Every structure is written in structure tokens, then in C-alpha cells.
Amino acid sequence: MVGGILTPEVRQRRNPSRRSAVSGGMKRLRCAGPVLLAAVLALPACSSGAPKKTDTGLGVRTLDCVIEAREHGSGSSSSSYRGGGTGDYYMVFVTREGQATARYRLPVTQRQYQRFQEGDRVRITLNNNILTNIQPVE
């Protein structure tokens, strides 16, 4: 001890378990290092594979359709967020996509439900297969 300050040798003699704890932790870190490195290198190899197919329905699309049906489901007053218990409104749209005929059953607002009738020709805008706009086609 020099002037009331403990030197490292004196500290070590007073607390021998500290040195063994520190060296034991270092041994564990040395063993864990290669295992961690192997896991980091193996992870990209497992995740690489055939490229995933992208969903062609994603993005913004505009379709010319005919309204085939209008549906109104009477919902309970506590579960419906549109109109406080007036139910849910749906329209079934029919369109041609290439050689195929496609049908979309999409939720609409009460105003859209009342404005358009079966057989009306409309242009719908879908954003990620969510209806964003309906316009009549003249």
C-alpha cells in the first residue's frame, strides 16, 4: 500500500476470487467466439435459395368492371365500425384479365353501395387489392 492507495498486487491478495472470475469469463468468451462466427456465416447460406415470386396483385391497378352483385351483411351494433351497427356493405365486380374472367368481392362504403346498382359499368382503383376508388364509366 502506497500512501493509502491499494496497488493491484494488494487488491489481488485481498480478493482472489475476482481474478478467477475475470479469467473464467474470458475462457467462456474464447469458446463462444468460434461458435458465434460459424452461426453468422451459416445463416446467409440457409436463407439463400430460389427467388420468391412477387405478388402480381400488389401495387396500384385500375380495372374496368361491371357490378354483378351488391351484398349487405347486417352486423351487430358493437362489432361494426362503419355507421354504428348498420352492417357491412360489399360489391362483387366482374372484369376481364387476359383470357380469364375475374370476380372481386370488395367492401364498400354505404354511400358507394347506394350510388351504384347491379349492371353498372365502373372503373375501380385497387391499391394492394384494397378498393380505393369507384368511378362510373360513360
N, C-alpha and C. Protein backbone atom coordinates (compact mmCIF):
# COMPACT_ATOMS: atom_id res chain seq x y z
N MET A 1 0.85 -1.16 0.00
CA MET A 1 0.00 0.00 0.00
C MET A 1 0.89 1.22 0.00
N VAL A 2 0.61 2.12 -0.94
CA VAL A 2 1.43 3.30 -1.10
C VAL A 2 0.56 4.51 -0.83
N GLY A 3 0.77 5.21 0.25
CA GLY A 3 0.04 6.44 0.57
C GLY A 3 -1.46 6.25 0.65
N GLY A 4 -1.95 5.15 1.16
CA GLY A 4 -3.37 4.91 1.31
C GLY A 4 -4.04 4.39 0.05
N ILE A 5 -3.29 4.21 -1.03
CA ILE A 5 -3.86 3.70 -2.28
C ILE A 5 -3.45 2.24 -2.42
N LEU A 6 -4.39 1.38 -2.74
CA LEU A 6 -4.10 -0.04 -2.89
C LEU A 6 -3.48 -0.29 -4.26
N THR A 7 -2.37 -0.98 -4.24
CA THR A 7 -1.75 -1.36 -5.51
C THR A 7 -2.47 -2.60 -6.05
N PRO A 8 -2.32 -2.90 -7.30
CA PRO A 8 -3.00 -4.06 -7.86
C PRO A 8 -2.64 -5.36 -7.17
N GLU A 9 -1.39 -5.49 -6.71
CA GLU A 9 -1.00 -6.72 -6.04
C GLU A 9 -1.73 -6.87 -4.72
N VAL A 10 -1.87 -5.78 -3.97
CA VAL A 10 -2.56 -5.84 -2.68
C VAL A 10 -4.05 -6.13 -2.92
N ARG A 11 -4.64 -5.48 -3.92
CA ARG A 11 -6.05 -5.74 -4.23
C ARG A 11 -6.28 -7.20 -4.57
N GLN A 12 -5.33 -7.78 -5.31
CA GLN A 12 -5.48 -9.17 -5.73
C GLN A 12 -5.37 -10.10 -4.54
N ARG A 13 -4.50 -9.80 -3.60
CA ARG A 13 -4.37 -10.66 -2.43
C ARG A 13 -5.61 -10.58 -1.56
N ARG A 14 -6.24 -9.42 -1.47
CA ARG A 14 -7.44 -9.26 -0.64
C ARG A 14 -8.66 -9.92 -1.29
N ASN A 15 -8.75 -9.98 -2.65
CA ASN A 15 -9.92 -10.52 -3.34
C ASN A 15 -9.47 -11.46 -4.46
N PRO A 16 -9.04 -12.69 -4.10
CA PRO A 16 -8.53 -13.60 -5.11
C PRO A 16 -9.63 -14.12 -6.06
N SER A 17 -10.87 -14.10 -5.64
CA SER A 17 -11.94 -14.64 -6.49
C SER A 17 -12.20 -13.74 -7.71
N ARG A 18 -11.83 -12.48 -7.58
CA ARG A 18 -12.07 -11.54 -8.69
C ARG A 18 -11.27 -11.94 -9.93
N ARG A 19 -10.01 -12.31 -9.72
CA ARG A 19 -9.17 -12.68 -10.85
C ARG A 19 -9.68 -13.96 -11.50
N SER A 20 -10.09 -14.93 -10.72
CA SER A 20 -10.57 -16.18 -11.31
C SER A 20 -11.89 -15.96 -12.04
N ALA A 21 -12.72 -15.05 -11.55
CA ALA A 21 -13.99 -14.77 -12.22
C ALA A 21 -13.74 -14.11 -13.57
N VAL A 22 -12.79 -13.18 -13.61
CA VAL A 22 -12.48 -12.50 -14.85
C VAL A 22 -11.86 -13.47 -15.84
N SER A 23 -10.93 -14.29 -15.41
CA SER A 23 -10.29 -15.22 -16.34
C SER A 23 -11.27 -16.30 -16.79
N GLY A 24 -12.19 -16.72 -15.93
CA GLY A 24 -13.20 -17.71 -16.31
C GLY A 24 -14.12 -17.15 -17.38
N GLY A 25 -14.48 -15.88 -17.25
CA GLY A 25 -15.33 -15.24 -18.25
C GLY A 25 -14.62 -15.13 -19.59
N MET A 26 -13.34 -14.86 -19.56
CA MET A 26 -12.57 -14.75 -20.80
C MET A 26 -12.49 -16.10 -21.50
N LYS A 27 -12.37 -17.19 -20.71
CA LYS A 27 -12.32 -18.52 -21.31
C LYS A 27 -13.65 -18.82 -22.00
N ARG A 28 -14.76 -18.44 -21.36
CA ARG A 28 -16.08 -18.68 -21.96
C ARG A 28 -16.23 -17.88 -23.25
N LEU A 29 -15.72 -16.65 -23.26
CA LEU A 29 -15.82 -15.83 -24.46
C LEU A 29 -14.99 -16.41 -25.59
N ARG A 30 -13.80 -16.94 -25.27
CA ARG A 30 -12.97 -17.54 -26.31
C ARG A 30 -13.65 -18.75 -26.92
N CYS A 31 -14.37 -19.52 -26.14
CA CYS A 31 -15.06 -20.71 -26.66
C CYS A 31 -16.30 -20.30 -27.47
N ALA A 32 -16.96 -19.27 -27.06
CA ALA A 32 -18.19 -18.85 -27.73
C ALA A 32 -17.91 -18.14 -29.05
N GLY A 33 -16.74 -17.57 -29.18
CA GLY A 33 -16.40 -16.83 -30.39
C GLY A 33 -16.51 -17.65 -31.67
N PRO A 34 -15.83 -18.82 -31.75
CA PRO A 34 -15.93 -19.63 -32.97
C PRO A 34 -17.36 -20.11 -33.26
N VAL A 35 -18.09 -20.44 -32.21
CA VAL A 35 -19.47 -20.91 -32.40
C VAL A 35 -20.31 -19.78 -32.97
N LEU A 36 -20.17 -18.59 -32.44
CA LEU A 36 -20.92 -17.43 -32.93
C LEU A 36 -20.54 -17.10 -34.37
N LEU A 37 -19.26 -17.17 -34.67
CA LEU A 37 -18.80 -16.90 -36.03
C LEU A 37 -19.36 -17.91 -37.03
N ALA A 38 -19.40 -19.18 -36.66
CA ALA A 38 -19.95 -20.21 -37.54
C ALA A 38 -21.44 -19.99 -37.77
N ALA A 39 -22.16 -19.58 -36.73
CA ALA A 39 -23.60 -19.33 -36.87
C ALA A 39 -23.86 -18.14 -37.79
N VAL A 40 -23.07 -17.10 -37.68
CA VAL A 40 -23.24 -15.92 -38.52
C VAL A 40 -22.95 -16.25 -39.98
N LEU A 41 -21.95 -17.08 -40.23
CA LEU A 41 -21.61 -17.44 -41.60
C LEU A 41 -22.62 -18.42 -42.20
N ALA A 42 -23.23 -19.27 -41.38
CA ALA A 42 -24.18 -20.27 -41.89
C ALA A 42 -25.56 -19.67 -42.15
N LEU A 43 -25.92 -18.61 -41.48
CA LEU A 43 -27.25 -18.02 -41.62
C LEU A 43 -27.55 -17.56 -43.04
N PRO A 44 -26.69 -16.81 -43.72
CA PRO A 44 -27.00 -16.43 -45.10
C PRO A 44 -27.09 -17.62 -46.04
N ALA A 45 -26.32 -18.66 -45.80
CA ALA A 45 -26.37 -19.84 -46.66
C ALA A 45 -27.72 -20.54 -46.56
N CYS A 46 -28.32 -20.53 -45.38
CA CYS A 46 -29.63 -21.16 -45.20
C CYS A 46 -30.74 -20.34 -45.83
N SER A 47 -30.63 -19.04 -45.79
CA SER A 47 -31.71 -18.20 -46.28
C SER A 47 -31.65 -17.99 -47.78
N SER A 48 -30.52 -18.23 -48.40
CA SER A 48 -30.47 -18.04 -49.85
C SER A 48 -31.07 -19.25 -50.53
N GLY A 49 -31.84 -18.99 -51.56
CA GLY A 49 -32.49 -20.07 -52.28
C GLY A 49 -33.08 -19.49 -53.55
N ALA A 50 -34.09 -20.15 -54.05
CA ALA A 50 -34.75 -19.67 -55.25
C ALA A 50 -35.42 -18.34 -54.95
N PRO A 51 -35.39 -17.42 -55.90
CA PRO A 51 -36.03 -16.13 -55.65
C PRO A 51 -37.53 -16.31 -55.48
N LYS A 52 -38.09 -15.56 -54.55
CA LYS A 52 -39.51 -15.67 -54.26
C LYS A 52 -40.32 -14.98 -55.35
N LYS A 53 -41.47 -15.57 -55.67
CA LYS A 53 -42.35 -14.97 -56.65
C LYS A 53 -43.01 -13.75 -56.03
N THR A 54 -43.05 -12.68 -56.78
CA THR A 54 -43.70 -11.47 -56.29
C THR A 54 -45.19 -11.57 -56.56
N ASP A 55 -45.98 -11.00 -55.70
CA ASP A 55 -47.43 -11.00 -55.85
C ASP A 55 -47.80 -9.99 -56.93
N THR A 56 -48.44 -10.47 -58.00
CA THR A 56 -48.80 -9.56 -59.08
C THR A 56 -49.95 -8.66 -58.70
N GLY A 57 -50.63 -8.95 -57.60
CA GLY A 57 -51.75 -8.13 -57.17
C GLY A 57 -51.33 -6.91 -56.37
N LEU A 58 -50.05 -6.80 -56.07
CA LEU A 58 -49.60 -5.67 -55.28
C LEU A 58 -49.38 -4.46 -56.17
N GLY A 59 -49.55 -3.30 -55.58
CA GLY A 59 -49.39 -2.07 -56.33
C GLY A 59 -50.75 -1.48 -56.67
N VAL A 60 -50.74 -0.43 -57.48
CA VAL A 60 -51.97 0.26 -57.86
C VAL A 60 -52.41 -0.25 -59.23
N ARG A 61 -53.67 -0.67 -59.32
CA ARG A 61 -54.24 -1.14 -60.59
C ARG A 61 -55.58 -0.45 -60.81
N THR A 62 -55.89 -0.18 -62.06
CA THR A 62 -57.19 0.37 -62.44
C THR A 62 -57.86 -0.63 -63.37
N LEU A 63 -59.10 -1.03 -63.03
CA LEU A 63 -59.81 -2.05 -63.80
C LEU A 63 -61.18 -1.53 -64.22
N ASP A 64 -61.57 -1.84 -65.44
CA ASP A 64 -62.93 -1.55 -65.91
C ASP A 64 -63.78 -2.78 -65.59
N CYS A 65 -64.84 -2.57 -64.84
CA CYS A 65 -65.64 -3.68 -64.33
C CYS A 65 -67.12 -3.44 -64.54
N VAL A 66 -67.90 -4.49 -64.29
CA VAL A 66 -69.35 -4.42 -64.21
C VAL A 66 -69.73 -4.92 -62.82
N ILE A 67 -70.65 -4.21 -62.17
CA ILE A 67 -71.09 -4.64 -60.85
C ILE A 67 -72.06 -5.80 -61.03
N GLU A 68 -71.69 -6.95 -60.49
CA GLU A 68 -72.50 -8.15 -60.63
C GLU A 68 -73.50 -8.29 -59.49
N ALA A 69 -73.09 -7.94 -58.29
CA ALA A 69 -73.98 -8.09 -57.14
C ALA A 69 -73.61 -7.09 -56.07
N ARG A 70 -74.61 -6.77 -55.25
CA ARG A 70 -74.39 -5.93 -54.06
C ARG A 70 -74.85 -6.73 -52.87
N GLU A 71 -74.05 -6.73 -51.83
CA GLU A 71 -74.36 -7.54 -50.64
C GLU A 71 -74.32 -6.66 -49.41
N HIS A 72 -75.27 -6.90 -48.51
CA HIS A 72 -75.32 -6.16 -47.25
C HIS A 72 -75.44 -7.18 -46.13
N GLY A 73 -74.42 -7.22 -45.30
CA GLY A 73 -74.44 -8.11 -44.15
C GLY A 73 -74.78 -7.32 -42.91
N SER A 74 -75.87 -7.69 -42.24
CA SER A 74 -76.25 -6.95 -41.04
C SER A 74 -75.37 -7.40 -39.90
N GLY A 75 -74.55 -6.50 -39.41
CA GLY A 75 -73.63 -6.80 -38.32
C GLY A 75 -74.22 -6.38 -36.99
N SER A 76 -73.61 -6.85 -35.93
CA SER A 76 -74.06 -6.43 -34.61
C SER A 76 -73.65 -4.99 -34.37
N SER A 77 -74.36 -4.32 -33.51
CA SER A 77 -74.11 -2.89 -33.31
C SER A 77 -72.76 -2.63 -32.66
N SER A 78 -72.20 -3.61 -31.94
CA SER A 78 -70.92 -3.36 -31.27
C SER A 78 -69.72 -3.69 -32.15
N SER A 79 -69.88 -4.57 -33.16
CA SER A 79 -68.72 -5.00 -33.92
C SER A 79 -68.49 -4.21 -35.20
N SER A 80 -69.49 -3.48 -35.68
CA SER A 80 -69.32 -2.78 -36.94
C SER A 80 -68.78 -1.38 -36.70
N TYR A 81 -67.70 -1.05 -37.37
CA TYR A 81 -67.12 0.28 -37.20
C TYR A 81 -67.68 1.26 -38.22
N ARG A 82 -68.34 0.81 -39.26
CA ARG A 82 -68.91 1.69 -40.27
C ARG A 82 -70.37 1.95 -39.94
N GLY A 83 -70.70 3.14 -39.61
CA GLY A 83 -72.10 3.51 -39.43
C GLY A 83 -72.74 3.07 -38.15
N GLY A 84 -71.99 2.63 -37.18
CA GLY A 84 -72.54 2.31 -35.87
C GLY A 84 -73.62 1.23 -35.88
N GLY A 85 -73.31 0.06 -36.44
CA GLY A 85 -74.23 -1.05 -36.36
C GLY A 85 -75.13 -1.21 -37.57
N THR A 86 -74.84 -0.55 -38.67
CA THR A 86 -75.68 -0.68 -39.86
C THR A 86 -75.26 -1.85 -40.72
N GLY A 87 -74.22 -2.55 -40.39
CA GLY A 87 -73.77 -3.70 -41.16
C GLY A 87 -72.64 -3.37 -42.10
N ASP A 88 -72.21 -4.38 -42.84
CA ASP A 88 -71.11 -4.23 -43.79
C ASP A 88 -71.67 -4.29 -45.20
N TYR A 89 -71.06 -3.54 -46.10
CA TYR A 89 -71.50 -3.46 -47.49
C TYR A 89 -70.41 -4.00 -48.39
N TYR A 90 -70.81 -4.83 -49.36
CA TYR A 90 -69.88 -5.42 -50.31
C TYR A 90 -70.45 -5.29 -51.71
N MET A 91 -69.55 -5.25 -52.70
CA MET A 91 -69.94 -5.33 -54.10
C MET A 91 -69.07 -6.38 -54.77
N VAL A 92 -69.69 -7.09 -55.71
CA VAL A 92 -68.97 -8.07 -56.50
C VAL A 92 -68.76 -7.47 -57.88
N PHE A 93 -67.48 -7.34 -58.25
CA PHE A 93 -67.11 -6.74 -59.53
C PHE A 93 -66.61 -7.85 -60.46
N VAL A 94 -66.98 -7.77 -61.75
CA VAL A 94 -66.54 -8.73 -62.75
C VAL A 94 -65.73 -7.97 -63.80
N THR A 95 -64.57 -8.51 -64.14
CA THR A 95 -63.71 -7.88 -65.14
C THR A 95 -62.98 -8.96 -65.93
N ARG A 96 -62.43 -8.60 -67.05
CA ARG A 96 -61.62 -9.50 -67.87
C ARG A 96 -60.14 -9.19 -67.60
N GLU A 97 -59.40 -10.22 -67.28
CA GLU A 97 -57.95 -10.10 -67.11
C GLU A 97 -57.31 -11.10 -68.05
N GLY A 98 -56.90 -10.61 -69.22
CA GLY A 98 -56.35 -11.50 -70.24
C GLY A 98 -57.46 -12.36 -70.81
N GLN A 99 -57.31 -13.67 -70.75
CA GLN A 99 -58.32 -14.60 -71.25
C GLN A 99 -59.32 -15.00 -70.17
N ALA A 100 -59.06 -14.65 -68.92
CA ALA A 100 -59.89 -15.09 -67.81
C ALA A 100 -60.84 -14.00 -67.35
N THR A 101 -61.94 -14.44 -66.75
CA THR A 101 -62.88 -13.53 -66.11
C THR A 101 -62.59 -13.56 -64.61
N ALA A 102 -62.39 -12.40 -64.04
CA ALA A 102 -62.07 -12.31 -62.62
C ALA A 102 -63.23 -11.67 -61.87
N ARG A 103 -63.48 -12.18 -60.66
CA ARG A 103 -64.52 -11.62 -59.79
C ARG A 103 -63.85 -11.14 -58.50
N TYR A 104 -64.19 -9.95 -58.10
CA TYR A 104 -63.67 -9.36 -56.86
C TYR A 104 -64.85 -9.04 -55.96
N ARG A 105 -64.84 -9.54 -54.75
CA ARG A 105 -65.83 -9.17 -53.72
C ARG A 105 -65.09 -8.25 -52.75
N LEU A 106 -65.48 -6.97 -52.80
CA LEU A 106 -64.73 -5.96 -52.04
C LEU A 106 -65.67 -5.18 -51.12
N PRO A 107 -65.19 -4.81 -49.95
CA PRO A 107 -66.01 -3.96 -49.07
C PRO A 107 -66.11 -2.55 -49.63
N VAL A 108 -67.28 -1.94 -49.49
CA VAL A 108 -67.52 -0.57 -49.95
C VAL A 108 -68.19 0.20 -48.84
N THR A 109 -68.24 1.50 -48.99
CA THR A 109 -68.93 2.33 -48.01
C THR A 109 -70.42 2.30 -48.29
N GLN A 110 -71.21 2.78 -47.35
CA GLN A 110 -72.66 2.82 -47.53
C GLN A 110 -73.01 3.74 -48.70
N ARG A 111 -72.31 4.83 -48.83
CA ARG A 111 -72.56 5.77 -49.93
C ARG A 111 -72.30 5.13 -51.29
N GLN A 112 -71.19 4.38 -51.42
CA GLN A 112 -70.89 3.69 -52.67
C GLN A 112 -71.93 2.60 -52.94
N TYR A 113 -72.36 1.92 -51.91
CA TYR A 113 -73.37 0.88 -52.04
C TYR A 113 -74.68 1.45 -52.57
N GLN A 114 -75.07 2.62 -52.10
CA GLN A 114 -76.32 3.23 -52.53
C GLN A 114 -76.19 3.89 -53.90
N ARG A 115 -75.03 4.34 -54.27
CA ARG A 115 -74.84 5.07 -55.52
C ARG A 115 -74.85 4.16 -56.75
N PHE A 116 -74.26 2.97 -56.64
CA PHE A 116 -74.10 2.10 -57.79
C PHE A 116 -75.04 0.90 -57.69
N GLN A 117 -75.59 0.48 -58.84
CA GLN A 117 -76.53 -0.64 -58.91
C GLN A 117 -75.90 -1.79 -59.69
N GLU A 118 -76.54 -2.97 -59.62
CA GLU A 118 -76.08 -4.12 -60.42
C GLU A 118 -76.16 -3.76 -61.90
N GLY A 119 -75.15 -4.17 -62.64
CA GLY A 119 -75.11 -3.91 -64.08
C GLY A 119 -74.40 -2.62 -64.46
N ASP A 120 -74.09 -1.75 -63.50
CA ASP A 120 -73.38 -0.51 -63.79
C ASP A 120 -71.95 -0.81 -64.21
N ARG A 121 -71.47 -0.08 -65.24
CA ARG A 121 -70.07 -0.17 -65.65
C ARG A 121 -69.28 0.86 -64.86
N VAL A 122 -68.23 0.40 -64.18
CA VAL A 122 -67.43 1.28 -63.33
C VAL A 122 -65.96 1.03 -63.56
N ARG A 123 -65.17 1.99 -63.16
CA ARG A 123 -63.71 1.86 -63.17
C ARG A 123 -63.28 1.90 -61.70
N ILE A 124 -62.65 0.80 -61.25
CA ILE A 124 -62.22 0.74 -59.85
C ILE A 124 -60.71 0.87 -59.79
N THR A 125 -60.23 1.43 -58.70
CA THR A 125 -58.80 1.54 -58.44
C THR A 125 -58.50 0.71 -57.21
N LEU A 126 -57.57 -0.23 -57.36
CA LEU A 126 -57.14 -1.09 -56.26
C LEU A 126 -55.71 -0.75 -55.90
N ASN A 127 -55.46 -0.62 -54.62
CA ASN A 127 -54.10 -0.43 -54.11
C ASN A 127 -53.81 -1.61 -53.20
N ASN A 128 -52.93 -2.51 -53.63
CA ASN A 128 -52.63 -3.74 -52.90
C ASN A 128 -53.90 -4.54 -52.62
N ASN A 129 -54.77 -4.63 -53.65
CA ASN A 129 -56.04 -5.35 -53.60
C ASN A 129 -57.02 -4.77 -52.59
N ILE A 130 -56.88 -3.51 -52.27
CA ILE A 130 -57.83 -2.78 -51.41
C ILE A 130 -58.47 -1.71 -52.28
N LEU A 131 -59.80 -1.68 -52.28
CA LEU A 131 -60.54 -0.73 -53.10
C LEU A 131 -60.32 0.69 -52.59
N THR A 132 -59.84 1.57 -53.48
CA THR A 132 -59.61 2.95 -53.08
C THR A 132 -60.54 3.92 -53.78
N ASN A 133 -61.09 3.54 -54.97
CA ASN A 133 -61.92 4.48 -55.71
C ASN A 133 -62.83 3.72 -56.66
N ILE A 134 -64.06 4.23 -56.81
CA ILE A 134 -65.01 3.73 -57.82
C ILE A 134 -65.51 4.92 -58.59
N GLN A 135 -65.42 4.85 -59.93
CA GLN A 135 -65.91 5.92 -60.79
C GLN A 135 -66.80 5.29 -61.86
N PRO A 136 -67.92 5.95 -62.20
CA PRO A 136 -68.75 5.43 -63.30
C PRO A 136 -68.04 5.62 -64.63
N VAL A 137 -68.26 4.68 -65.55
CA VAL A 137 -67.69 4.77 -66.90
C VAL A 137 -68.79 5.19 -67.83
N GLU A 138 -68.59 6.30 -68.57
CA GLU A 138 -69.61 6.77 -69.51
C GLU A 138 -69.50 6.07 -70.81
